[in-house]
């Protein structure tokens, strides 16, 4: 007869060890996240590094980017094994990743998963959508940006900057005489300000308080679309996060990432929609 008592005891011990290891890994990952956030909000160079890494990995949360920043200093583009597989790449055997929090496709809950930098993978070249001057894609992206504005857009040829949110008039002034990349970067920042202002419903709003956040959204989106980003006013970094707990700091970064991700997703969807319309029109028979 099989020794069921021994089998059960072994299983119980194994399950206990697994749970303890999972708890230890989760604690270590949380500590790395806190370490990354602390670096980001206290060091202008690390904040800029964070924005660059977030722009390269827009789908990942600010917390996960903070973990990778703390645990994989040279990372540029990272992903889980599953994500790399969808991109036609695979992790090189023997490479060691860093644990991040990823949503389980079946349970929808978050679990620890190893993430790897692109330098640890092999396969198809990565593609990046780059918005070019005077292109249909750039035009679609600018339309999408303006659709996200919570202020009425107006044209002002005398404006000494590509875009400016006037909170008193609740208008988004646009000078169309600037180049498309300059317009994209400036409009993205000012649109972000209109959303933080929220038509006056945000009682905590002030330009000084949200300037860095809005410029960060612009930087991330520019990075995402191959546009030279304008460096945010990092002199406001200490002031922006002064007196905040790490959880509160993370919340600020989460909102920056979430706004950037939503706008970026809409830009991609609208560009693809315009392409489908164009292809349909080309195939339509002439009568």
C-alpha atoms as a PDB file:
ATOM      1  CA  UNK A   1       0.000   0.000   0.000  1.00  0.00           C
ATOM      2  CA  UNK A   2       1.084   3.555  -0.709  1.00  0.00           C
ATOM      3  CA  UNK A   3       2.074   5.523   2.363  1.00  0.00           C
ATOM      4  CA  UNK A   4      -0.649   8.187   2.112  1.00  0.00           C
ATOM      5  CA  UNK A   5       0.315   9.787   5.404  1.00  0.00           C
ATOM      6  CA  UNK A   6       3.826  10.421   4.098  1.00  0.00           C
ATOM      7  CA  UNK A   7       2.528  11.650   0.710  1.00  0.00           C
ATOM      8  CA  UNK A   8       0.123  14.084   2.401  1.00  0.00           C
ATOM      9  CA  UNK A   9       2.770  15.317   4.837  1.00  0.00           C
ATOM     10  CA  UNK A  10       5.190  15.915   1.966  1.00  0.00           C
ATOM     11  CA  UNK A  11       2.561  17.826   0.001  1.00  0.00           C
ATOM     12  CA  UNK A  12       1.629  19.978   2.986  1.00  0.00           C
ATOM     13  CA  UNK A  13       5.288  20.828   3.578  1.00  0.00           C
ATOM     14  CA  UNK A  14       5.840  21.571  -0.115  1.00  0.00           C
ATOM     15  CA  UNK A  15       2.762  23.832  -0.266  1.00  0.00           C
ATOM     16  CA  UNK A  16       3.903  25.660   2.845  1.00  0.00           C
ATOM     17  CA  UNK A  17       7.378  26.252   1.395  1.00  0.00           C
ATOM     18  CA  UNK A  18       5.846  27.510  -1.865  1.00  0.00           C
ATOM     19  CA  UNK A  19       3.547  29.936  -0.034  1.00  0.00           C
ATOM     20  CA  UNK A  20       6.424  31.218   2.104  1.00  0.00           C
ATOM     21  CA  UNK A  21       8.561  31.737  -0.999  1.00  0.00           C
ATOM     22  CA  UNK A  22       5.727  33.559  -2.778  1.00  0.00           C
ATOM     23  CA  UNK A  23       5.235  35.809   0.245  1.00  0.00           C
ATOM     24  CA  UNK A  24       8.960  36.537   0.419  1.00  0.00           C
ATOM     25  CA  UNK A  25       9.104  37.285  -3.329  1.00  0.00           C
ATOM     26  CA  UNK A  26       6.098  39.595  -3.085  1.00  0.00           C
ATOM     27  CA  UNK A  27       7.637  41.434  -0.139  1.00  0.00           C
ATOM     28  CA  UNK A  28      10.935  41.811  -1.979  1.00  0.00           C
ATOM     29  CA  UNK A  29       9.183  43.070  -5.118  1.00  0.00           C
ATOM     30  CA  UNK A  30       7.162  45.593  -3.113  1.00  0.00           C
ATOM     31  CA  UNK A  31      10.361  46.822  -1.462  1.00  0.00           C
ATOM     32  CA  UNK A  32      11.991  47.200  -4.903  1.00  0.00           C
ATOM     33  CA  UNK A  33       8.965  49.174  -6.082  1.00  0.00           C
ATOM     34  CA  UNK A  34       9.245  51.497  -3.080  1.00  0.00           C
ATOM     35  CA  UNK A  35      12.974  51.870  -3.707  1.00  0.00           C
ATOM     36  CA  UNK A  36      12.334  52.754  -7.357  1.00  0.00           C
ATOM     37  CA  UNK A  37       9.662  55.315  -6.506  1.00  0.00           C
ATOM     38  CA  UNK A  38      11.912  56.897  -3.895  1.00  0.00           C
ATOM     39  CA  UNK A  39      14.671  57.233  -6.496  1.00  0.00           C
ATOM     40  CA  UNK A  40      12.277  58.695  -9.058  1.00  0.00           C
ATOM     41  CA  UNK A  41      10.754  61.418  -6.877  1.00  0.00           C
ATOM     42  CA  UNK A  42      13.998  62.525  -5.208  1.00  0.00           C
ATOM     43  CA  UNK A  43      16.479  62.622  -8.104  1.00  0.00           C
ATOM     44  CA  UNK A  44      15.828  64.682 -11.262  1.00  0.00           C
ATOM     45  CA  UNK A  45      18.077  62.403 -13.333  1.00  0.00           C
ATOM     46  CA  UNK A  46      16.171  59.323 -12.145  1.00  0.00           C
ATOM     47  CA  UNK A  47      12.840  61.051 -12.794  1.00  0.00           C
ATOM     48  CA  UNK A  48      13.894  61.689 -16.385  1.00  0.00           C
ATOM     49  CA  UNK A  49      15.092  58.077 -16.612  1.00  0.00           C
ATOM     50  CA  UNK A  50      11.668  56.992 -15.361  1.00  0.00           C
ATOM     51  CA  UNK A  51       9.850  59.072 -17.997  1.00  0.00           C
ATOM     52  CA  UNK A  52      12.014  57.591 -20.753  1.00  0.00           C
ATOM     53  CA  UNK A  53      11.440  54.045 -19.512  1.00  0.00           C
ATOM     54  CA  UNK A  54       7.700  54.689 -19.097  1.00  0.00           C
ATOM     55  CA  UNK A  55       7.510  56.109 -22.610  1.00  0.00           C
ATOM     56  CA  UNK A  56       9.181  52.961 -23.963  1.00  0.00           C
ATOM     57  CA  UNK A  57       6.817  50.739 -21.940  1.00  0.00           C
ATOM     58  CA  UNK A  58       3.536  52.638 -21.914  1.00  0.00           C
ATOM     59  CA  UNK A  59       1.395  49.552 -21.257  1.00  0.00           C
ATOM     60  CA  UNK A  60       3.113  48.866 -17.926  1.00  0.00           C
ATOM     61  CA  UNK A  61       2.146  50.608 -14.691  1.00  0.00           C
ATOM     62  CA  UNK A  62       4.319  53.216 -13.019  1.00  0.00           C
ATOM     63  CA  UNK A  63       4.893  50.728 -10.187  1.00  0.00           C
ATOM     64  CA  UNK A  64       6.278  48.096 -12.540  1.00  0.00           C
ATOM     65  CA  UNK A  65       8.467  50.654 -14.277  1.00  0.00           C
ATOM     66  CA  UNK A  66       9.782  51.697 -10.837  1.00  0.00           C
ATOM     67  CA  UNK A  67      10.594  48.042 -10.056  1.00  0.00           C
ATOM     68  CA  UNK A  68      12.510  47.611 -13.315  1.00  0.00           C
ATOM     69  CA  UNK A  69      14.297  50.930 -12.817  1.00  0.00           C
ATOM     70  CA  UNK A  70      15.479  49.761  -9.386  1.00  0.00           C
ATOM     71  CA  UNK A  71      16.280  46.159 -10.334  1.00  0.00           C
ATOM     72  CA  UNK A  72      17.463  46.383 -13.941  1.00  0.00           C
ATOM     73  CA  UNK A  73      19.309  49.667 -14.342  1.00  0.00           C
ATOM     74  CA  UNK A  74      20.150  49.304 -18.051  1.00  0.00           C
ATOM     75  CA  UNK A  75      16.630  48.270 -19.161  1.00  0.00           C
ATOM     76  CA  UNK A  76      15.100  50.031 -22.168  1.00  0.00           C
ATOM     77  CA  UNK A  77      12.101  47.947 -23.292  1.00  0.00           C
ATOM     78  CA  UNK A  78      10.924  45.131 -21.026  1.00  0.00           C
ATOM     79  CA  UNK A  79       8.207  42.500 -20.972  1.00  0.00           C
ATOM     80  CA  UNK A  80       7.127  39.123 -19.637  1.00  0.00           C
ATOM     81  CA  UNK A  81       7.778  35.919 -21.562  1.00  0.00           C
ATOM     82  CA  UNK A  82       4.194  36.008 -22.849  1.00  0.00           C
ATOM     83  CA  UNK A  83       4.521  39.592 -24.044  1.00  0.00           C
ATOM     84  CA  UNK A  84       7.783  38.875 -25.856  1.00  0.00           C
ATOM     85  CA  UNK A  85       6.141  35.894 -27.510  1.00  0.00           C
ATOM     86  CA  UNK A  86       3.343  38.091 -28.888  1.00  0.00           C
ATOM     87  CA  UNK A  87       6.054  40.355 -30.351  1.00  0.00           C
ATOM     88  CA  UNK A  88       7.806  37.455 -32.067  1.00  0.00           C
ATOM     89  CA  UNK A  89      10.698  37.277 -29.637  1.00  0.00           C
ATOM     90  CA  UNK A  90      11.818  34.790 -26.988  1.00  0.00           C
ATOM     91  CA  UNK A  91      13.909  35.049 -23.832  1.00  0.00           C
ATOM     92  CA  UNK A  92      17.452  33.769 -24.255  1.00  0.00           C
ATOM     93  CA  UNK A  93      18.046  30.633 -22.199  1.00  0.00           C
ATOM     94  CA  UNK A  94      19.764  31.303 -18.878  1.00  0.00           C
ATOM     95  CA  UNK A  95      18.758  34.977 -18.655  1.00  0.00           C
ATOM     96  CA  UNK A  96      17.564  36.167 -15.249  1.00  0.00           C
ATOM     97  CA  UNK A  97      14.669  38.609 -15.132  1.00  0.00           C
ATOM     98  CA  UNK A  98      13.189  40.851 -12.484  1.00  0.00           C
ATOM     99  CA  UNK A  99       9.825  40.112 -10.884  1.00  0.00           C
ATOM    100  CA  UNK A 100       6.969  42.513 -11.582  1.00  0.00           C
ATOM    101  CA  UNK A 101       3.232  42.472 -10.862  1.00  0.00           C
ATOM    102  CA  UNK A 102       1.305  41.205 -13.902  1.00  0.00           C
ATOM    103  CA  UNK A 103      -2.403  40.522 -14.331  1.00  0.00           C
ATOM    104  CA  UNK A 104      -3.300  36.849 -14.725  1.00  0.00           C
ATOM    105  CA  UNK A 105      -5.382  36.449 -17.905  1.00  0.00           C
ATOM    106  CA  UNK A 106      -7.567  33.775 -16.280  1.00  0.00           C
ATOM    107  CA  UNK A 107      -8.164  35.090 -12.756  1.00  0.00           C
ATOM    108  CA  UNK A 108      -7.700  38.835 -13.569  1.00  0.00           C
ATOM    109  CA  UNK A 109      -5.758  39.116 -10.300  1.00  0.00           C
ATOM    110  CA  UNK A 110      -2.160  40.300 -10.042  1.00  0.00           C
ATOM    111  CA  UNK A 111       0.638  37.789  -9.609  1.00  0.00           C
ATOM    112  CA  UNK A 112       4.424  37.946  -9.691  1.00  0.00           C
ATOM    113  CA  UNK A 113       5.916  37.317 -13.128  1.00  0.00           C
ATOM    114  CA  UNK A 114       9.467  37.618 -14.420  1.00  0.00           C
ATOM    115  CA  UNK A 115      10.140  40.468 -16.844  1.00  0.00           C
ATOM    116  CA  UNK A 116      13.108  40.690 -19.210  1.00  0.00           C
ATOM    117  CA  UNK A 117      14.752  43.530 -21.098  1.00  0.00           C
ATOM    118  CA  UNK A 118      14.834  43.390 -24.890  1.00  0.00           C
ATOM    119  CA  UNK A 119      18.598  42.799 -24.662  1.00  0.00           C
ATOM    120  CA  UNK A 120      17.796  39.450 -22.993  1.00  0.00           C
ATOM    121  CA  UNK A 121      15.623  38.327 -25.902  1.00  0.00           C
ATOM    122  CA  UNK A 122      16.001  37.350 -29.540  1.00  0.00           C
ATOM    123  CA  UNK A 123      13.717  37.316 -32.563  1.00  0.00           C
ATOM    124  CA  UNK A 124      11.906  39.847 -34.730  1.00  0.00           C
ATOM    125  CA  UNK A 125      12.947  43.489 -34.692  1.00  0.00           C
ATOM    126  CA  UNK A 126      10.743  45.704 -32.565  1.00  0.00           C
ATOM    127  CA  UNK A 127       8.537  48.177 -34.396  1.00  0.00           C
ATOM    128  CA  UNK A 128       7.815  51.699 -33.211  1.00  0.00           C
ATOM    129  CA  UNK A 129       5.203  54.014 -34.641  1.00  0.00           C
ATOM    130  CA  UNK A 130       6.947  57.283 -35.508  1.00  0.00           C
ATOM    131  CA  UNK A 131       4.848  60.352 -36.261  1.00  0.00           C
ATOM    132  CA  UNK A 132       6.341  62.349 -39.127  1.00  0.00           C
ATOM    133  CA  UNK A 133       5.834  65.974 -40.109  1.00  0.00           C
ATOM    134  CA  UNK A 134       2.900  66.561 -42.469  1.00  0.00           C
ATOM    135  CA  UNK A 135       1.753  62.927 -42.449  1.00  0.00           C
ATOM    136  CA  UNK A 136      -1.743  61.437 -42.206  1.00  0.00           C
ATOM    137  CA  UNK A 137      -0.715  59.685 -38.983  1.00  0.00           C
ATOM    138  CA  UNK A 138       0.474  62.935 -37.411  1.00  0.00           C
ATOM    139  CA  UNK A 139      -2.750  64.670 -38.435  1.00  0.00           C
ATOM    140  CA  UNK A 140      -4.798  61.881 -36.857  1.00  0.00           C
ATOM    141  CA  UNK A 141      -2.702  62.028 -33.671  1.00  0.00           C
ATOM    142  CA  UNK A 142      -3.169  65.807 -33.339  1.00  0.00           C
ATOM    143  CA  UNK A 143      -6.937  65.430 -33.836  1.00  0.00           C
ATOM    144  CA  UNK A 144      -6.992  62.804 -31.097  1.00  0.00           C
ATOM    145  CA  UNK A 145      -5.037  65.034 -28.720  1.00  0.00           C
ATOM    146  CA  UNK A 146      -7.522  67.866 -29.230  1.00  0.00           C
ATOM    147  CA  UNK A 147     -10.423  65.480 -28.657  1.00  0.00           C
ATOM    148  CA  UNK A 148      -8.989  64.849 -25.178  1.00  0.00           C
ATOM    149  CA  UNK A 149      -8.968  68.544 -24.324  1.00  0.00           C
ATOM    150  CA  UNK A 150     -11.447  69.687 -21.671  1.00  0.00           C
ATOM    151  CA  UNK A 151     -11.096  73.260 -22.915  1.00  0.00           C
ATOM    152  CA  UNK A 152     -12.373  74.784 -26.147  1.00  0.00           C
ATOM    153  CA  UNK A 153      -9.569  75.009 -28.762  1.00  0.00           C
ATOM    154  CA  UNK A 154      -9.072  78.404 -30.431  1.00  0.00           C
ATOM    155  CA  UNK A 155      -6.562  79.604 -33.032  1.00  0.00           C
ATOM    156  CA  UNK A 156      -4.115  82.366 -32.042  1.00  0.00           C
ATOM    157  CA  UNK A 157      -1.415  83.222 -34.588  1.00  0.00           C
ATOM    158  CA  UNK A 158       0.154  85.753 -32.178  1.00  0.00           C
ATOM    159  CA  UNK A 159       0.816  83.140 -29.483  1.00  0.00           C
ATOM    160  CA  UNK A 160       4.560  82.853 -28.750  1.00  0.00           C
ATOM    161  CA  UNK A 161       4.276  79.114 -28.072  1.00  0.00           C
ATOM    162  CA  UNK A 162       2.534  76.300 -29.984  1.00  0.00           C
ATOM    163  CA  UNK A 163      -0.196  75.882 -27.353  1.00  0.00           C
ATOM    164  CA  UNK A 164      -1.405  77.471 -24.117  1.00  0.00           C
ATOM    165  CA  UNK A 165      -4.220  76.559 -21.730  1.00  0.00           C
ATOM    166  CA  UNK A 166      -5.917  79.706 -20.422  1.00  0.00           C
ATOM    167  CA  UNK A 167      -7.656  78.485 -17.268  1.00  0.00           C
ATOM    168  CA  UNK A 168      -9.521  81.760 -16.758  1.00  0.00           C
ATOM    169  CA  UNK A 169     -11.089  81.699 -20.223  1.00  0.00           C
ATOM    170  CA  UNK A 170     -11.061  77.887 -20.199  1.00  0.00           C
ATOM    171  CA  UNK A 171      -9.653  77.949 -23.711  1.00  0.00           C
ATOM    172  CA  UNK A 172      -6.839  75.980 -25.335  1.00  0.00           C
ATOM    173  CA  UNK A 173      -5.091  78.460 -27.615  1.00  0.00           C
ATOM    174  CA  UNK A 174      -3.205  76.938 -30.571  1.00  0.00           C
ATOM    175  CA  UNK A 175      -0.712  78.654 -32.870  1.00  0.00           C
ATOM    176  CA  UNK A 176      -0.774  76.577 -36.094  1.00  0.00           C
ATOM    177  CA  UNK A 177       2.428  78.176 -37.428  1.00  0.00           C
ATOM    178  CA  UNK A 178       4.717  75.782 -35.539  1.00  0.00           C
ATOM    179  CA  UNK A 179       5.975  72.452 -36.874  1.00  0.00           C
ATOM    180  CA  UNK A 180       3.927  69.314 -36.239  1.00  0.00           C
ATOM    181  CA  UNK A 181       6.383  67.799 -33.695  1.00  0.00           C
ATOM    182  CA  UNK A 182       6.529  71.088 -31.766  1.00  0.00           C
ATOM    183  CA  UNK A 183       2.730  71.295 -31.839  1.00  0.00           C
ATOM    184  CA  UNK A 184       2.326  67.684 -30.690  1.00  0.00           C
ATOM    185  CA  UNK A 185       4.642  68.123 -27.691  1.00  0.00           C
ATOM    186  CA  UNK A 186       3.077  71.416 -26.591  1.00  0.00           C
ATOM    187  CA  UNK A 187      -0.547  70.418 -27.188  1.00  0.00           C
ATOM    188  CA  UNK A 188      -0.039  67.151 -25.272  1.00  0.00           C
ATOM    189  CA  UNK A 189       1.172  69.068 -22.198  1.00  0.00           C
ATOM    190  CA  UNK A 190      -1.591  71.684 -22.353  1.00  0.00           C
ATOM    191  CA  UNK A 191      -4.300  69.079 -22.968  1.00  0.00           C
ATOM    192  CA  UNK A 192      -3.047  67.253 -19.870  1.00  0.00           C
ATOM    193  CA  UNK A 193      -3.410  70.514 -17.921  1.00  0.00           C
ATOM    194  CA  UNK A 194      -7.009  70.871 -19.099  1.00  0.00           C
ATOM    195  CA  UNK A 195      -7.727  67.380 -17.815  1.00  0.00           C
ATOM    196  CA  UNK A 196      -6.108  68.034 -14.440  1.00  0.00           C
ATOM    197  CA  UNK A 197      -8.062  71.307 -14.247  1.00  0.00           C
ATOM    198  CA  UNK A 198     -11.240  69.362 -15.133  1.00  0.00           C
ATOM    199  CA  UNK A 199     -13.317  72.455 -15.994  1.00  0.00           C
ATOM    200  CA  UNK A 200     -12.729  73.808 -12.495  1.00  0.00           C
ATOM    201  CA  UNK A 201     -13.976  70.708 -10.683  1.00  0.00           C
ATOM    202  CA  UNK A 202     -10.529  69.828  -9.317  1.00  0.00           C
ATOM    203  CA  UNK A 203     -10.266  71.874  -6.089  1.00  0.00           C
ATOM    204  CA  UNK A 204      -6.529  71.122  -5.788  1.00  0.00           C
ATOM    205  CA  UNK A 205      -5.685  72.457  -9.243  1.00  0.00           C
ATOM    206  CA  UNK A 206      -3.050  75.079  -9.796  1.00  0.00           C
ATOM    207  CA  UNK A 207      -0.691  75.451 -12.709  1.00  0.00           C
ATOM    208  CA  UNK A 208       2.315  75.246 -10.386  1.00  0.00           C
ATOM    209  CA  UNK A 209       1.059  72.005  -8.828  1.00  0.00           C
ATOM    210  CA  UNK A 210       0.340  70.195 -12.100  1.00  0.00           C
ATOM    211  CA  UNK A 211       2.933  71.694 -14.442  1.00  0.00           C
ATOM    212  CA  UNK A 212       5.389  68.805 -13.967  1.00  0.00           C
ATOM    213  CA  UNK A 213       2.650  66.159 -14.313  1.00  0.00           C
ATOM    214  CA  UNK A 214       1.403  67.657 -17.586  1.00  0.00           C
ATOM    215  CA  UNK A 215       4.907  68.021 -19.007  1.00  0.00           C
ATOM    216  CA  UNK A 216       5.556  64.402 -17.991  1.00  0.00           C
ATOM    217  CA  UNK A 217       2.523  63.224 -19.982  1.00  0.00           C
ATOM    218  CA  UNK A 218       3.873  65.106 -22.995  1.00  0.00           C
ATOM    219  CA  UNK A 219       7.363  63.635 -22.562  1.00  0.00           C
ATOM    220  CA  UNK A 220       6.004  60.078 -22.345  1.00  0.00           C
ATOM    221  CA  UNK A 221       3.806  60.496 -25.445  1.00  0.00           C
ATOM    222  CA  UNK A 222       6.629  62.082 -27.435  1.00  0.00           C
ATOM    223  CA  UNK A 223       8.889  59.211 -26.459  1.00  0.00           C
ATOM    224  CA  UNK A 224       6.176  56.755 -27.473  1.00  0.00           C
ATOM    225  CA  UNK A 225       5.879  58.231 -30.969  1.00  0.00           C
ATOM    226  CA  UNK A 226       9.483  59.000 -31.838  1.00  0.00           C
ATOM    227  CA  UNK A 227       9.171  62.765 -31.320  1.00  0.00           C
ATOM    228  CA  UNK A 228      11.988  64.653 -29.631  1.00  0.00           C
ATOM    229  CA  UNK A 229      10.529  65.329 -26.161  1.00  0.00           C
ATOM    230  CA  UNK A 230      10.920  68.609 -24.328  1.00  0.00           C
ATOM    231  CA  UNK A 231      12.534  68.099 -20.941  1.00  0.00           C
ATOM    232  CA  UNK A 232      10.121  68.881 -18.087  1.00  0.00           C
ATOM    233  CA  UNK A 233      10.840  71.601 -15.554  1.00  0.00           C
ATOM    234  CA  UNK A 234      12.617  69.355 -13.064  1.00  0.00           C
ATOM    235  CA  UNK A 235      13.170  72.261 -10.677  1.00  0.00           C
ATOM    236  CA  UNK A 236       9.614  71.558  -9.482  1.00  0.00           C
ATOM    237  CA  UNK A 237      10.339  67.904  -8.658  1.00  0.00           C
ATOM    238  CA  UNK A 238      11.047  68.370  -4.938  1.00  0.00           C
ATOM    239  CA  UNK A 239       8.099  70.765  -4.576  1.00  0.00           C
ATOM    240  CA  UNK A 240       5.701  68.385  -6.346  1.00  0.00           C
ATOM    241  CA  UNK A 241       6.371  65.429  -4.056  1.00  0.00           C
ATOM    242  CA  UNK A 242       7.206  67.287  -0.849  1.00  0.00           C
ATOM    243  CA  UNK A 243       5.566  65.749   2.232  1.00  0.00           C
ATOM    244  CA  UNK A 244       4.027  62.847   0.309  1.00  0.00           C
ATOM    245  CA  UNK A 245       4.147  59.197   1.360  1.00  0.00           C
ATOM    246  CA  UNK A 246       5.492  56.681  -1.156  1.00  0.00           C
ATOM    247  CA  UNK A 247       1.919  55.524  -1.837  1.00  0.00           C
ATOM    248  CA  UNK A 248       0.885  59.103  -2.588  1.00  0.00           C
ATOM    249  CA  UNK A 249       3.909  59.547  -4.858  1.00  0.00           C
ATOM    250  CA  UNK A 250       2.990  56.343  -6.668  1.00  0.00           C
ATOM    251  CA  UNK A 251      -0.574  57.623  -7.119  1.00  0.00           C
ATOM    252  CA  UNK A 252       0.732  60.756  -8.879  1.00  0.00           C
ATOM    253  CA  UNK A 253       2.901  58.644 -11.189  1.00  0.00           C
ATOM    254  CA  UNK A 254       0.009  56.250 -11.812  1.00  0.00           C
ATOM    255  CA  UNK A 255      -2.198  59.123 -12.970  1.00  0.00           C
ATOM    256  CA  UNK A 256       0.508  60.381 -15.329  1.00  0.00           C
ATOM    257  CA  UNK A 257       0.924  56.881 -16.782  1.00  0.00           C
ATOM    258  CA  UNK A 258      -2.805  56.257 -17.030  1.00  0.00           C
ATOM    259  CA  UNK A 259      -3.487  59.510 -18.889  1.00  0.00           C
ATOM    260  CA  UNK A 260      -0.571  58.867 -21.242  1.00  0.00           C
ATOM    261  CA  UNK A 261      -1.724  55.295 -21.865  1.00  0.00           C
ATOM    262  CA  UNK A 262      -5.329  56.292 -22.573  1.00  0.00           C
ATOM    263  CA  UNK A 263      -4.337  59.034 -25.011  1.00  0.00           C
ATOM    264  CA  UNK A 264      -1.742  56.796 -26.657  1.00  0.00           C
ATOM    265  CA  UNK A 265      -4.235  53.979 -27.083  1.00  0.00           C
ATOM    266  CA  UNK A 266      -6.738  56.351 -28.698  1.00  0.00           C
ATOM    267  CA  UNK A 267      -4.065  57.721 -31.034  1.00  0.00           C
ATOM    268  CA  UNK A 268      -3.188  54.196 -32.185  1.00  0.00           C
ATOM    269  CA  UNK A 269      -6.837  53.192 -32.615  1.00  0.00           C
ATOM    270  CA  UNK A 270      -7.687  56.310 -34.616  1.00  0.00           C
ATOM    271  CA  UNK A 271      -4.645  55.952 -36.858  1.00  0.00           C
ATOM    272  CA  UNK A 272      -5.608  52.356 -37.629  1.00  0.00           C
ATOM    273  CA  UNK A 273      -9.227  53.406 -38.215  1.00  0.00           C
ATOM    274  CA  UNK A 274      -8.103  56.057 -40.720  1.00  0.00           C
ATOM    275  CA  UNK A 275      -5.919  53.496 -42.482  1.00  0.00           C
ATOM    276  CA  UNK A 276      -8.827  51.065 -42.813  1.00  0.00           C
ATOM    277  CA  UNK A 277     -11.012  53.818 -44.274  1.00  0.00           C
ATOM    278  CA  UNK A 278      -8.298  54.688 -46.759  1.00  0.00           C
ATOM    279  CA  UNK A 279      -7.839  51.071 -47.837  1.00  0.00           C
ATOM    280  CA  UNK A 280     -11.612  50.616 -48.205  1.00  0.00           C
ATOM    281  CA  UNK A 281     -11.841  53.736 -50.368  1.00  0.00           C
ATOM    282  CA  UNK A 282      -8.991  52.516 -52.582  1.00  0.00           C
ATOM    283  CA  UNK A 283     -10.682  49.144 -53.153  1.00  0.00           C
ATOM    284  CA  UNK A 284     -14.090  50.653 -53.897  1.00  0.00           C
ATOM    285  CA  UNK A 285     -14.869  50.266 -57.641  1.00  0.00           C
ATOM    286  CA  UNK A 286     -15.202  53.390 -59.742  1.00  0.00           C
ATOM    287  CA  UNK A 287     -18.551  53.750 -61.503  1.00  0.00           C
END
